[in-house]
């Protein structure tokens, strides 16, 4: 399959036409309209500083079904200690900036560029991008961020400055998504870090069907908070 060159027109090729490695298209921009269109079609941007924008839709797709989420016993004991103060949407820009330095996909400072930070902060202001923060002694210890559309949360990145902080943030997010009866967390690509929590790979075609179903639901736009 060819890799498609995007123009100024707000349109993407079908996600099913992605290369074997998931690469679908190149170019375009990170405007809110294009990003929301991309996510609603199972596509996301991922590229390095200095490179053109690359758009991906991998198959298989790593996902977490909230009701299948597993909390390891050791982490469960740690959570019960309530070491961290957990918040939502209190420090989105701080979270995404920290993720740009300490990304838990296994690389440091590679793909969350300055223009991506600006773009996702704009989505946050519009009520589509959300963060979970873990605080220790009033300092940001860890967290995560992603996009919410319909009944799906598209996880983007997480970070820890203190042991277990990102794991606690993820467990806290799942609790909230279960409360709201969310369908799915999109984890995009396979990582050992997420597999321990019950994440599993599904075919891209199945993911796109689940996405279509999830998008029929109302999107919870605005700032999120824990009860």
N, C-alpha and C. Protein backbone atom coordinates (compact mmCIF):
# COMPACT_ATOMS: atom_id res chain seq x y z
N UNK A 1 0.84 -1.20 0.00
CA UNK A 1 0.00 0.00 0.00
C UNK A 1 0.88 1.25 0.00
N UNK A 2 0.47 2.31 -0.69
CA UNK A 2 1.24 3.56 -0.67
C UNK A 2 1.01 4.33 0.62
N UNK A 3 1.98 5.16 1.00
CA UNK A 3 1.80 6.09 2.11
C UNK A 3 1.24 7.38 1.53
N UNK A 4 0.13 7.83 2.03
CA UNK A 4 -0.58 8.94 1.43
C UNK A 4 -0.01 10.28 1.88
N UNK A 5 0.07 11.22 0.94
CA UNK A 5 0.50 12.58 1.23
C UNK A 5 -0.74 13.43 1.48
N UNK A 6 -0.84 14.00 2.66
CA UNK A 6 -1.99 14.82 3.00
C UNK A 6 -1.83 16.22 2.45
N UNK A 7 -2.95 16.85 2.16
CA UNK A 7 -2.97 18.24 1.70
C UNK A 7 -3.62 19.10 2.78
N UNK A 8 -3.96 20.33 2.43
CA UNK A 8 -4.65 21.21 3.39
C UNK A 8 -6.09 20.77 3.63
N UNK A 9 -6.61 19.93 2.76
CA UNK A 9 -7.98 19.46 2.89
C UNK A 9 -8.10 18.54 4.10
N UNK A 10 -9.15 18.70 4.88
CA UNK A 10 -9.35 17.88 6.08
C UNK A 10 -9.94 16.53 5.68
N UNK A 11 -9.06 15.61 5.31
CA UNK A 11 -9.49 14.28 4.91
C UNK A 11 -8.34 13.31 5.12
N UNK A 12 -8.67 12.07 5.51
CA UNK A 12 -7.68 11.01 5.65
C UNK A 12 -8.09 9.83 4.77
N UNK A 13 -7.12 9.08 4.29
CA UNK A 13 -7.47 7.82 3.64
C UNK A 13 -8.01 6.84 4.68
N UNK A 14 -8.75 5.82 4.27
CA UNK A 14 -9.27 4.83 5.22
C UNK A 14 -8.14 4.19 6.01
N UNK A 15 -8.35 4.00 7.31
CA UNK A 15 -7.31 3.42 8.17
C UNK A 15 -6.90 2.03 7.71
N UNK A 16 -7.81 1.31 7.05
CA UNK A 16 -7.51 -0.04 6.58
C UNK A 16 -6.41 -0.07 5.54
N UNK A 17 -6.07 1.09 4.97
CA UNK A 17 -5.05 1.15 3.93
C UNK A 17 -3.64 1.38 4.48
N UNK A 18 -3.48 1.33 5.79
CA UNK A 18 -2.17 1.56 6.39
C UNK A 18 -1.19 0.46 6.00
N UNK A 19 0.10 0.79 6.02
CA UNK A 19 1.15 -0.18 5.77
C UNK A 19 1.16 -1.25 6.88
N UNK A 20 1.93 -2.31 6.69
CA UNK A 20 2.00 -3.38 7.68
C UNK A 20 2.47 -2.87 9.04
N UNK A 21 3.35 -1.84 9.03
CA UNK A 21 3.83 -1.29 10.30
C UNK A 21 2.88 -0.26 10.89
N UNK A 22 1.78 0.01 10.19
CA UNK A 22 0.78 0.94 10.69
C UNK A 22 0.83 2.32 10.09
N UNK A 23 1.89 2.65 9.35
CA UNK A 23 2.00 3.99 8.76
C UNK A 23 0.96 4.16 7.66
N UNK A 24 0.22 5.26 7.73
CA UNK A 24 -0.87 5.50 6.79
C UNK A 24 -0.63 6.72 5.91
N UNK A 25 -0.19 7.83 6.51
CA UNK A 25 -0.11 9.08 5.76
C UNK A 25 1.00 9.97 6.31
N UNK A 26 1.34 10.97 5.53
CA UNK A 26 2.39 11.92 5.89
C UNK A 26 1.91 13.33 5.57
N UNK A 27 2.32 14.28 6.40
CA UNK A 27 1.99 15.68 6.12
C UNK A 27 0.79 16.18 6.89
N UNK A 28 0.17 17.22 6.37
CA UNK A 28 -0.96 17.83 7.06
C UNK A 28 -0.51 18.73 8.19
N UNK A 29 -1.34 18.85 9.21
CA UNK A 29 -1.04 19.73 10.34
C UNK A 29 -1.62 19.13 11.61
N UNK A 30 -1.44 19.83 12.71
CA UNK A 30 -1.96 19.37 14.00
C UNK A 30 -3.07 20.28 14.50
N UNK A 31 -3.87 20.77 13.59
CA UNK A 31 -5.01 21.59 13.99
C UNK A 31 -5.98 20.74 14.79
N UNK A 32 -6.76 21.35 15.68
CA UNK A 32 -7.73 20.57 16.46
C UNK A 32 -8.69 19.79 15.57
N UNK A 33 -9.12 20.42 14.48
CA UNK A 33 -10.06 19.76 13.58
C UNK A 33 -9.46 18.50 12.97
N UNK A 34 -8.19 18.58 12.55
CA UNK A 34 -7.55 17.41 11.94
C UNK A 34 -7.28 16.32 12.98
N UNK A 35 -6.85 16.71 14.17
CA UNK A 35 -6.60 15.73 15.21
C UNK A 35 -7.88 14.98 15.60
N UNK A 36 -8.97 15.70 15.79
CA UNK A 36 -10.22 15.05 16.15
C UNK A 36 -10.72 14.15 15.03
N UNK A 37 -10.54 14.58 13.79
CA UNK A 37 -10.91 13.75 12.65
C UNK A 37 -10.07 12.48 12.63
N UNK A 38 -8.77 12.63 12.90
CA UNK A 38 -7.87 11.48 12.91
C UNK A 38 -8.31 10.46 13.96
N UNK A 39 -8.47 10.90 15.20
CA UNK A 39 -8.84 9.97 16.27
C UNK A 39 -10.19 9.31 16.01
N UNK A 40 -11.11 10.06 15.45
CA UNK A 40 -12.43 9.48 15.19
C UNK A 40 -12.38 8.45 14.06
N UNK A 41 -11.26 8.38 13.36
CA UNK A 41 -11.07 7.37 12.31
C UNK A 41 -10.00 6.34 12.67
N UNK A 42 -9.60 6.31 13.94
CA UNK A 42 -8.63 5.32 14.38
C UNK A 42 -7.20 5.63 13.97
N UNK A 43 -6.90 6.91 13.80
CA UNK A 43 -5.58 7.35 13.32
C UNK A 43 -4.98 8.30 14.35
N UNK A 44 -3.65 8.26 14.51
CA UNK A 44 -3.00 9.17 15.45
C UNK A 44 -1.64 9.59 14.90
N UNK A 45 -1.14 10.78 15.32
CA UNK A 45 0.18 11.24 14.86
C UNK A 45 1.29 10.72 15.76
N UNK A 46 2.42 10.40 15.17
CA UNK A 46 3.58 9.92 15.92
C UNK A 46 4.81 10.12 15.05
N UNK A 47 5.68 11.02 15.46
CA UNK A 47 6.86 11.33 14.66
C UNK A 47 7.90 12.00 15.55
N UNK A 48 9.11 12.13 15.04
CA UNK A 48 10.20 12.72 15.82
C UNK A 48 10.42 14.17 15.43
N UNK A 49 11.03 14.92 16.33
CA UNK A 49 11.37 16.31 16.08
C UNK A 49 12.19 16.43 14.79
N UNK A 50 11.80 17.35 13.92
CA UNK A 50 12.52 17.56 12.67
C UNK A 50 11.98 16.76 11.51
N UNK A 51 11.13 15.76 11.78
CA UNK A 51 10.53 14.95 10.72
C UNK A 51 9.17 15.52 10.34
N UNK A 52 8.66 15.17 9.15
CA UNK A 52 7.28 15.54 8.81
C UNK A 52 6.30 14.79 9.71
N UNK A 53 5.08 15.28 9.80
CA UNK A 53 4.06 14.62 10.61
C UNK A 53 3.72 13.28 9.98
N UNK A 54 3.76 12.22 10.78
CA UNK A 54 3.42 10.88 10.31
C UNK A 54 2.14 10.43 11.03
N UNK A 55 1.24 9.80 10.28
CA UNK A 55 -0.05 9.38 10.81
C UNK A 55 -0.15 7.85 10.76
N UNK A 56 -0.61 7.23 11.85
CA UNK A 56 -0.54 5.79 12.01
C UNK A 56 -1.90 5.20 12.35
N UNK A 57 -2.09 3.95 11.93
CA UNK A 57 -3.25 3.16 12.35
C UNK A 57 -2.81 1.69 12.33
N UNK A 58 -2.13 1.26 13.41
CA UNK A 58 -1.54 -0.08 13.42
C UNK A 58 -2.56 -1.19 13.60
N UNK A 59 -2.21 -2.35 13.09
CA UNK A 59 -2.96 -3.57 13.31
C UNK A 59 -1.96 -4.71 13.49
N UNK A 60 -2.00 -5.42 14.62
CA UNK A 60 -3.01 -5.35 15.68
C UNK A 60 -2.90 -4.07 16.50
N UNK A 61 -3.94 -3.83 17.31
CA UNK A 61 -4.03 -2.63 18.13
C UNK A 61 -4.07 -3.03 19.60
N UNK A 62 -3.27 -2.38 20.41
CA UNK A 62 -3.27 -2.69 21.84
C UNK A 62 -4.37 -1.88 22.52
N UNK A 63 -5.22 -2.58 23.28
CA UNK A 63 -6.34 -1.93 23.95
C UNK A 63 -6.48 -2.47 25.37
N UNK A 64 -7.18 -1.70 26.19
CA UNK A 64 -7.60 -2.17 27.52
C UNK A 64 -9.11 -2.02 27.59
N UNK A 65 -9.80 -3.14 27.84
CA UNK A 65 -11.21 -3.08 28.16
C UNK A 65 -11.29 -2.80 29.67
N UNK A 66 -11.92 -1.70 30.06
CA UNK A 66 -11.91 -1.32 31.49
C UNK A 66 -12.31 -2.43 32.44
N UNK A 67 -13.28 -3.26 32.04
CA UNK A 67 -13.71 -4.32 32.96
C UNK A 67 -12.75 -5.50 32.98
N UNK A 68 -11.70 -5.46 32.14
CA UNK A 68 -10.67 -6.50 32.15
C UNK A 68 -9.38 -6.00 32.81
N UNK A 69 -9.40 -4.78 33.30
CA UNK A 69 -8.19 -4.19 33.86
C UNK A 69 -7.73 -4.97 35.09
N UNK A 70 -6.45 -5.26 35.15
CA UNK A 70 -5.87 -6.03 36.24
C UNK A 70 -4.92 -5.15 37.05
N UNK A 71 -5.10 -5.15 38.34
CA UNK A 71 -4.20 -4.44 39.24
C UNK A 71 -3.32 -5.47 39.93
N UNK A 72 -2.02 -5.50 39.64
CA UNK A 72 -1.14 -6.45 40.33
C UNK A 72 -1.25 -6.31 41.84
N UNK A 73 -1.09 -7.43 42.53
CA UNK A 73 -1.30 -7.45 43.99
C UNK A 73 -0.42 -6.43 44.71
N UNK A 74 0.83 -6.33 44.27
CA UNK A 74 1.75 -5.40 44.93
C UNK A 74 1.29 -3.96 44.73
N UNK A 75 0.81 -3.65 43.53
CA UNK A 75 0.31 -2.30 43.26
C UNK A 75 -0.96 -2.03 44.05
N UNK A 76 -1.81 -3.05 44.17
CA UNK A 76 -3.05 -2.89 44.93
C UNK A 76 -2.75 -2.52 46.38
N UNK A 77 -1.75 -3.16 46.96
CA UNK A 77 -1.36 -2.81 48.34
C UNK A 77 -0.85 -1.37 48.40
N UNK A 78 -0.09 -0.97 47.38
CA UNK A 78 0.45 0.38 47.36
C UNK A 78 -0.68 1.41 47.24
N UNK A 79 -1.66 1.14 46.40
CA UNK A 79 -2.78 2.07 46.22
C UNK A 79 -3.53 2.26 47.54
N UNK A 80 -3.70 1.19 48.29
CA UNK A 80 -4.43 1.28 49.56
C UNK A 80 -3.72 2.16 50.58
N UNK A 81 -2.42 2.37 50.39
CA UNK A 81 -1.67 3.25 51.28
C UNK A 81 -2.00 4.73 51.05
N UNK A 82 -2.61 5.04 49.90
CA UNK A 82 -3.02 6.41 49.55
C UNK A 82 -1.86 7.39 49.71
N UNK A 83 -0.74 7.01 49.12
CA UNK A 83 0.45 7.84 49.20
C UNK A 83 0.30 9.12 48.39
N UNK A 84 -0.41 9.03 47.25
CA UNK A 84 -0.54 10.17 46.35
C UNK A 84 -1.91 10.81 46.45
N UNK A 85 -1.94 12.11 46.20
CA UNK A 85 -3.19 12.82 45.94
C UNK A 85 -3.44 12.74 44.44
N UNK A 86 -4.62 12.27 44.05
CA UNK A 86 -4.93 12.05 42.64
C UNK A 86 -5.92 13.12 42.18
N UNK A 87 -5.62 13.77 41.06
CA UNK A 87 -6.52 14.77 40.48
C UNK A 87 -6.67 14.52 38.99
N UNK A 88 -7.64 15.20 38.39
CA UNK A 88 -7.84 15.15 36.94
C UNK A 88 -7.90 16.57 36.39
N UNK A 89 -7.25 16.76 35.25
CA UNK A 89 -7.31 18.03 34.51
C UNK A 89 -6.89 19.23 35.35
N UNK A 90 -6.02 19.01 36.31
CA UNK A 90 -5.54 20.13 37.13
C UNK A 90 -4.24 20.71 36.58
N UNK A 91 -3.45 19.89 35.88
CA UNK A 91 -2.14 20.36 35.41
C UNK A 91 -1.80 19.69 34.08
N UNK A 92 -2.70 19.85 33.10
CA UNK A 92 -2.52 19.15 31.82
C UNK A 92 -1.20 19.51 31.17
N UNK A 93 -0.90 20.78 31.06
CA UNK A 93 0.33 21.19 30.38
C UNK A 93 1.57 20.65 31.10
N UNK A 94 1.54 20.64 32.41
CA UNK A 94 2.68 20.09 33.17
C UNK A 94 2.85 18.59 32.89
N UNK A 95 1.72 17.89 32.78
CA UNK A 95 1.78 16.45 32.52
C UNK A 95 2.35 16.16 31.14
N UNK A 96 1.82 16.80 30.10
CA UNK A 96 2.30 16.51 28.76
C UNK A 96 3.75 16.94 28.58
N UNK A 97 4.15 18.03 29.25
CA UNK A 97 5.54 18.46 29.18
C UNK A 97 6.46 17.45 29.84
N UNK A 98 6.02 16.91 30.98
CA UNK A 98 6.81 15.89 31.65
C UNK A 98 6.89 14.62 30.81
N UNK A 99 5.78 14.26 30.15
CA UNK A 99 5.79 13.09 29.28
C UNK A 99 6.77 13.24 28.13
N UNK A 100 6.97 14.47 27.69
CA UNK A 100 7.91 14.72 26.59
C UNK A 100 9.34 14.40 27.00
N UNK A 101 9.60 14.42 28.31
CA UNK A 101 10.93 14.14 28.83
C UNK A 101 11.06 12.70 29.29
N UNK A 102 9.99 12.19 29.93
CA UNK A 102 10.03 10.84 30.52
C UNK A 102 8.85 10.06 29.97
N UNK A 103 8.95 9.56 28.77
CA UNK A 103 7.86 8.80 28.19
C UNK A 103 8.06 7.32 28.46
N UNK A 104 7.00 6.64 28.91
CA UNK A 104 7.14 5.25 29.32
C UNK A 104 6.92 4.26 28.18
N UNK A 105 7.02 4.71 26.94
CA UNK A 105 7.08 3.76 25.84
C UNK A 105 8.50 3.21 25.69
N UNK A 106 9.40 3.74 26.52
CA UNK A 106 10.74 3.19 26.53
C UNK A 106 11.80 4.10 25.96
N UNK A 107 11.41 5.29 25.49
CA UNK A 107 12.38 6.23 24.94
C UNK A 107 12.23 7.56 25.66
N UNK A 108 13.28 8.34 25.65
CA UNK A 108 13.22 9.63 26.33
C UNK A 108 13.20 10.77 25.31
N UNK A 109 12.25 11.68 25.47
CA UNK A 109 12.23 12.91 24.72
C UNK A 109 12.26 12.76 23.23
N UNK A 110 11.47 11.82 22.67
CA UNK A 110 11.59 11.56 21.25
C UNK A 110 10.46 12.14 20.41
N UNK A 111 9.22 11.88 20.79
CA UNK A 111 8.14 12.13 19.85
C UNK A 111 7.13 13.20 20.27
N UNK A 112 7.15 13.65 21.50
CA UNK A 112 6.21 14.71 21.90
C UNK A 112 6.90 16.05 21.67
N UNK A 113 6.71 16.57 20.49
CA UNK A 113 7.38 17.79 20.08
C UNK A 113 6.68 19.02 20.66
N UNK A 114 7.31 20.15 20.51
CA UNK A 114 6.71 21.40 21.01
C UNK A 114 5.38 21.66 20.34
N UNK A 115 5.29 21.40 19.02
CA UNK A 115 4.04 21.67 18.33
C UNK A 115 2.95 20.68 18.77
N UNK A 116 3.34 19.46 19.15
CA UNK A 116 2.35 18.52 19.67
C UNK A 116 1.85 18.97 21.04
N UNK A 117 2.75 19.47 21.87
CA UNK A 117 2.33 19.98 23.18
C UNK A 117 1.33 21.10 23.00
N UNK A 118 1.61 22.02 22.11
CA UNK A 118 0.70 23.15 21.85
C UNK A 118 -0.65 22.65 21.34
N UNK A 119 -0.61 21.67 20.43
CA UNK A 119 -1.85 21.16 19.83
C UNK A 119 -2.73 20.46 20.86
N UNK A 120 -2.12 19.63 21.70
CA UNK A 120 -2.92 18.89 22.67
C UNK A 120 -3.38 19.79 23.81
N UNK A 121 -2.61 20.80 24.14
CA UNK A 121 -3.07 21.78 25.13
C UNK A 121 -4.30 22.51 24.60
N UNK A 122 -4.33 22.76 23.29
CA UNK A 122 -5.49 23.39 22.68
C UNK A 122 -6.71 22.46 22.78
N UNK A 123 -6.50 21.17 22.53
CA UNK A 123 -7.59 20.21 22.67
C UNK A 123 -8.07 20.13 24.12
N UNK A 124 -7.14 20.28 25.05
CA UNK A 124 -7.52 20.29 26.46
C UNK A 124 -8.41 21.49 26.77
N UNK A 125 -8.04 22.63 26.27
CA UNK A 125 -8.86 23.83 26.48
C UNK A 125 -10.25 23.68 25.87
N UNK A 126 -10.35 22.89 24.80
CA UNK A 126 -11.63 22.63 24.15
C UNK A 126 -12.44 21.55 24.86
N UNK A 127 -11.80 20.85 25.82
CA UNK A 127 -12.52 19.85 26.60
C UNK A 127 -12.42 18.43 26.08
N UNK A 128 -11.52 18.17 25.12
CA UNK A 128 -11.37 16.83 24.55
C UNK A 128 -10.16 16.07 25.09
N UNK A 129 -9.15 16.75 25.55
CA UNK A 129 -7.93 16.12 26.08
C UNK A 129 -7.93 16.22 27.60
N UNK A 130 -7.50 15.15 28.25
CA UNK A 130 -7.59 15.08 29.70
C UNK A 130 -6.32 14.51 30.30
N UNK A 131 -6.09 14.85 31.55
CA UNK A 131 -4.91 14.36 32.26
C UNK A 131 -5.32 13.83 33.63
N UNK A 132 -4.52 12.90 34.11
CA UNK A 132 -4.62 12.43 35.49
C UNK A 132 -3.28 12.72 36.15
N UNK A 133 -3.32 13.32 37.33
CA UNK A 133 -2.10 13.73 38.03
C UNK A 133 -1.98 13.02 39.37
N UNK A 134 -0.76 12.63 39.70
CA UNK A 134 -0.43 12.12 41.04
C UNK A 134 0.49 13.12 41.71
N UNK A 135 0.12 13.54 42.92
CA UNK A 135 0.87 14.55 43.65
C UNK A 135 1.45 13.95 44.93
N UNK A 136 2.67 14.33 45.24
CA UNK A 136 3.31 13.94 46.49
C UNK A 136 3.94 15.19 47.10
N UNK A 137 3.47 15.56 48.27
CA UNK A 137 3.95 16.78 48.93
C UNK A 137 3.83 17.99 48.02
N UNK A 138 2.69 18.07 47.32
CA UNK A 138 2.34 19.18 46.44
C UNK A 138 3.24 19.27 45.20
N UNK A 139 3.98 18.21 44.92
CA UNK A 139 4.81 18.14 43.72
C UNK A 139 4.24 17.07 42.78
N UNK A 140 4.29 17.35 41.48
CA UNK A 140 3.77 16.41 40.49
C UNK A 140 4.69 15.19 40.41
N UNK A 141 4.16 14.04 40.83
CA UNK A 141 4.97 12.82 40.90
C UNK A 141 4.82 11.93 39.68
N UNK A 142 3.73 12.09 38.94
CA UNK A 142 3.49 11.28 37.77
C UNK A 142 2.12 11.56 37.20
N UNK A 143 1.83 10.96 36.05
CA UNK A 143 0.52 11.16 35.46
C UNK A 143 0.44 10.62 34.05
N UNK A 144 -0.68 10.92 33.41
CA UNK A 144 -0.91 10.50 32.03
C UNK A 144 -1.86 11.47 31.36
N UNK A 145 -1.94 11.37 30.03
CA UNK A 145 -2.91 12.20 29.31
C UNK A 145 -3.41 11.46 28.07
N UNK A 146 -4.54 11.91 27.55
CA UNK A 146 -5.09 11.30 26.34
C UNK A 146 -6.30 12.08 25.86
N UNK A 147 -6.97 11.51 24.86
CA UNK A 147 -8.12 12.13 24.22
C UNK A 147 -9.36 11.30 24.51
N UNK A 148 -10.49 11.96 24.73
CA UNK A 148 -11.75 11.26 24.95
C UNK A 148 -12.74 11.62 23.86
N UNK A 149 -13.27 10.59 23.20
CA UNK A 149 -14.33 10.76 22.20
C UNK A 149 -15.34 9.64 22.41
N UNK A 150 -16.61 10.01 22.54
CA UNK A 150 -17.64 9.00 22.74
C UNK A 150 -17.34 8.16 23.96
N UNK A 151 -17.35 6.83 23.78
CA UNK A 151 -17.06 5.93 24.87
C UNK A 151 -15.65 5.37 24.83
N UNK A 152 -14.73 6.10 24.21
CA UNK A 152 -13.36 5.63 24.10
C UNK A 152 -12.38 6.68 24.61
N UNK A 153 -11.36 6.20 25.31
CA UNK A 153 -10.27 7.06 25.75
C UNK A 153 -9.02 6.63 25.00
N UNK A 154 -8.40 7.58 24.31
CA UNK A 154 -7.19 7.31 23.54
C UNK A 154 -5.98 7.70 24.38
N UNK A 155 -5.35 6.74 25.01
CA UNK A 155 -4.20 7.03 25.85
C UNK A 155 -2.99 7.43 25.01
N UNK A 156 -2.33 8.49 25.41
CA UNK A 156 -1.19 8.99 24.64
C UNK A 156 0.15 8.72 25.31
N UNK A 157 0.28 9.10 26.56
CA UNK A 157 1.58 8.92 27.22
C UNK A 157 1.41 9.02 28.73
N UNK A 158 2.39 8.47 29.46
CA UNK A 158 2.40 8.55 30.91
C UNK A 158 3.84 8.71 31.39
N UNK A 159 3.99 9.19 32.60
CA UNK A 159 5.34 9.39 33.14
C UNK A 159 5.32 9.21 34.65
N UNK A 160 6.49 8.94 35.21
CA UNK A 160 6.66 8.84 36.66
C UNK A 160 7.93 9.55 37.09
N UNK A 161 7.81 10.33 38.14
CA UNK A 161 8.99 10.86 38.84
C UNK A 161 9.19 10.14 40.17
N UNK A 162 8.11 9.48 40.62
CA UNK A 162 8.15 8.67 41.84
C UNK A 162 7.66 7.27 41.48
N UNK A 163 8.19 6.28 42.14
CA UNK A 163 7.82 4.90 41.86
C UNK A 163 6.31 4.70 41.96
N UNK A 164 5.75 4.03 40.95
CA UNK A 164 4.33 3.65 40.88
C UNK A 164 3.38 4.78 40.53
N UNK A 165 3.88 6.00 40.34
CA UNK A 165 2.97 7.13 40.13
C UNK A 165 2.13 6.98 38.87
N UNK A 166 2.75 6.60 37.75
CA UNK A 166 1.98 6.45 36.52
C UNK A 166 1.00 5.28 36.61
N UNK A 167 1.39 4.23 37.33
CA UNK A 167 0.51 3.08 37.50
C UNK A 167 -0.73 3.45 38.31
N UNK A 168 -0.54 4.24 39.35
CA UNK A 168 -1.66 4.70 40.16
C UNK A 168 -2.56 5.61 39.32
N UNK A 169 -1.95 6.46 38.49
CA UNK A 169 -2.73 7.33 37.62
C UNK A 169 -3.59 6.51 36.67
N UNK A 170 -3.01 5.46 36.09
CA UNK A 170 -3.76 4.61 35.16
C UNK A 170 -4.90 3.89 35.88
N UNK A 171 -4.63 3.33 37.05
CA UNK A 171 -5.67 2.64 37.80
C UNK A 171 -6.80 3.60 38.18
N UNK A 172 -6.45 4.83 38.51
CA UNK A 172 -7.45 5.84 38.86
C UNK A 172 -8.29 6.21 37.66
N UNK A 173 -7.64 6.33 36.49
CA UNK A 173 -8.39 6.61 35.26
C UNK A 173 -9.37 5.50 34.95
N UNK A 174 -8.93 4.26 35.05
CA UNK A 174 -9.81 3.13 34.75
C UNK A 174 -11.02 3.13 35.68
N UNK A 175 -10.82 3.43 36.95
CA UNK A 175 -11.95 3.52 37.89
C UNK A 175 -12.97 4.54 37.39
N UNK A 176 -12.49 5.67 36.91
CA UNK A 176 -13.39 6.71 36.42
C UNK A 176 -14.12 6.26 35.16
N UNK A 177 -13.39 5.60 34.25
CA UNK A 177 -14.00 5.14 33.00
C UNK A 177 -15.02 4.04 33.26
N UNK A 178 -14.77 3.19 34.25
CA UNK A 178 -15.76 2.19 34.64
C UNK A 178 -17.02 2.85 35.19
N UNK A 179 -16.83 3.89 35.97
CA UNK A 179 -17.97 4.64 36.52
C UNK A 179 -18.82 5.21 35.40
N UNK A 180 -18.17 5.67 34.34
CA UNK A 180 -18.88 6.26 33.21
C UNK A 180 -19.23 5.24 32.13
N UNK A 181 -18.94 3.98 32.38
CA UNK A 181 -19.27 2.90 31.45
C UNK A 181 -18.60 3.09 30.08
N UNK A 182 -17.32 3.49 30.10
CA UNK A 182 -16.56 3.61 28.85
C UNK A 182 -16.33 2.23 28.24
N UNK A 183 -16.20 2.19 26.93
CA UNK A 183 -16.03 0.93 26.21
C UNK A 183 -14.59 0.45 26.18
N UNK A 184 -13.65 1.39 26.02
CA UNK A 184 -12.32 0.96 25.63
C UNK A 184 -11.29 2.04 25.91
N UNK A 185 -10.05 1.61 26.20
CA UNK A 185 -8.89 2.50 26.21
C UNK A 185 -7.99 2.07 25.07
N UNK A 186 -7.71 2.98 24.15
CA UNK A 186 -6.80 2.70 23.05
C UNK A 186 -5.38 2.94 23.53
N UNK A 187 -4.57 1.88 23.53
CA UNK A 187 -3.17 1.99 23.95
C UNK A 187 -2.23 2.02 22.74
N UNK A 188 -2.79 1.92 21.55
CA UNK A 188 -2.08 2.06 20.29
C UNK A 188 -1.15 0.89 19.99
N UNK A 189 0.04 0.87 20.58
CA UNK A 189 1.03 -0.15 20.25
C UNK A 189 1.45 -0.94 21.48
N UNK A 190 1.82 -2.20 21.26
CA UNK A 190 2.12 -3.13 22.34
C UNK A 190 3.33 -2.69 23.15
N UNK A 191 3.17 -2.67 24.49
CA UNK A 191 4.28 -2.46 25.41
C UNK A 191 4.14 -3.43 26.57
N UNK A 192 5.25 -3.94 27.05
CA UNK A 192 5.22 -4.86 28.19
C UNK A 192 4.64 -4.18 29.43
N UNK A 193 4.89 -2.88 29.54
CA UNK A 193 4.41 -2.12 30.69
C UNK A 193 2.89 -2.20 30.81
N UNK A 194 2.17 -2.13 29.68
CA UNK A 194 0.72 -2.14 29.71
C UNK A 194 0.13 -3.54 29.72
N UNK A 195 0.86 -4.51 29.19
CA UNK A 195 0.35 -5.88 29.16
C UNK A 195 0.10 -6.42 30.56
N UNK A 196 0.88 -5.95 31.54
CA UNK A 196 0.71 -6.44 32.91
C UNK A 196 -0.63 -6.03 33.52
N UNK A 197 -1.28 -5.03 32.91
CA UNK A 197 -2.56 -4.55 33.42
C UNK A 197 -3.75 -5.16 32.67
N UNK A 198 -3.50 -6.13 31.83
CA UNK A 198 -4.59 -6.76 31.10
C UNK A 198 -4.81 -6.21 29.70
N UNK A 199 -3.92 -5.36 29.23
CA UNK A 199 -4.02 -4.89 27.85
C UNK A 199 -3.83 -6.07 26.91
N UNK A 200 -4.52 -6.05 25.79
CA UNK A 200 -4.35 -7.11 24.80
C UNK A 200 -4.50 -6.55 23.40
N UNK A 201 -3.96 -7.28 22.46
CA UNK A 201 -4.02 -6.86 21.07
C UNK A 201 -5.27 -7.42 20.39
N UNK A 202 -5.88 -6.59 19.57
CA UNK A 202 -7.02 -7.03 18.76
C UNK A 202 -6.75 -6.60 17.31
N UNK A 203 -7.35 -7.27 16.34
CA UNK A 203 -7.16 -6.86 14.94
C UNK A 203 -7.62 -5.43 14.71
N UNK A 204 -6.96 -4.75 13.79
CA UNK A 204 -7.33 -3.38 13.49
C UNK A 204 -8.77 -3.25 13.03
N UNK A 205 -9.27 -4.23 12.28
CA UNK A 205 -10.66 -4.18 11.81
C UNK A 205 -11.63 -4.23 12.99
N UNK A 206 -11.31 -5.06 14.00
CA UNK A 206 -12.16 -5.13 15.18
C UNK A 206 -12.11 -3.82 15.96
N UNK A 207 -10.92 -3.23 16.06
CA UNK A 207 -10.79 -1.95 16.75
C UNK A 207 -11.65 -0.89 16.08
N UNK A 208 -11.62 -0.82 14.77
CA UNK A 208 -12.39 0.20 14.04
C UNK A 208 -13.89 0.00 14.23
N UNK A 209 -14.34 -1.25 14.32
CA UNK A 209 -15.76 -1.51 14.58
C UNK A 209 -16.14 -1.04 15.97
N UNK A 210 -15.28 -1.33 16.96
CA UNK A 210 -15.54 -0.88 18.33
C UNK A 210 -15.53 0.65 18.41
N UNK A 211 -14.63 1.27 17.66
CA UNK A 211 -14.55 2.73 17.63
C UNK A 211 -15.84 3.33 17.09
N UNK A 212 -16.34 2.78 15.99
CA UNK A 212 -17.59 3.28 15.40
C UNK A 212 -18.73 3.21 16.41
N UNK A 213 -18.80 2.09 17.12
CA UNK A 213 -19.84 1.93 18.14
C UNK A 213 -19.67 2.94 19.26
N UNK A 214 -18.43 3.14 19.71
CA UNK A 214 -18.17 4.06 20.81
C UNK A 214 -18.50 5.50 20.44
N UNK A 215 -18.25 5.86 19.19
CA UNK A 215 -18.48 7.24 18.76
C UNK A 215 -19.96 7.58 18.66
N UNK A 216 -20.83 6.58 18.76
CA UNK A 216 -22.27 6.85 18.75
C UNK A 216 -22.73 7.40 20.10
N UNK A 217 -21.85 7.34 21.08
CA UNK A 217 -22.17 7.84 22.40
C UNK A 217 -21.78 9.31 22.54
N UNK A 218 -22.38 9.98 23.51
CA UNK A 218 -22.06 11.39 23.76
C UNK A 218 -20.66 11.52 24.34
N UNK A 219 -19.91 12.51 23.85
CA UNK A 219 -18.57 12.78 24.36
C UNK A 219 -18.66 13.66 25.60
N UNK A 220 -17.96 13.25 26.66
CA UNK A 220 -17.94 14.02 27.91
C UNK A 220 -16.94 15.18 27.75
N UNK A 221 -17.40 16.27 27.15
CA UNK A 221 -16.55 17.44 26.90
C UNK A 221 -16.47 18.31 28.14
N UNK A 222 -15.29 18.87 28.39
CA UNK A 222 -15.11 19.73 29.54
C UNK A 222 -14.10 19.15 30.50
N UNK A 223 -13.87 19.83 31.59
CA UNK A 223 -12.89 19.35 32.57
C UNK A 223 -13.45 18.18 33.36
N UNK A 224 -12.59 17.19 33.58
CA UNK A 224 -12.97 16.03 34.37
C UNK A 224 -12.46 16.19 35.79
N UNK A 225 -13.16 15.53 36.71
CA UNK A 225 -12.68 15.50 38.10
C UNK A 225 -13.20 14.25 38.78
N UNK A 226 -12.51 13.83 39.82
CA UNK A 226 -12.95 12.69 40.59
C UNK A 226 -14.06 13.10 41.53
N UNK A 227 -14.95 12.16 41.79
CA UNK A 227 -16.08 12.43 42.70
C UNK A 227 -15.52 12.70 44.10
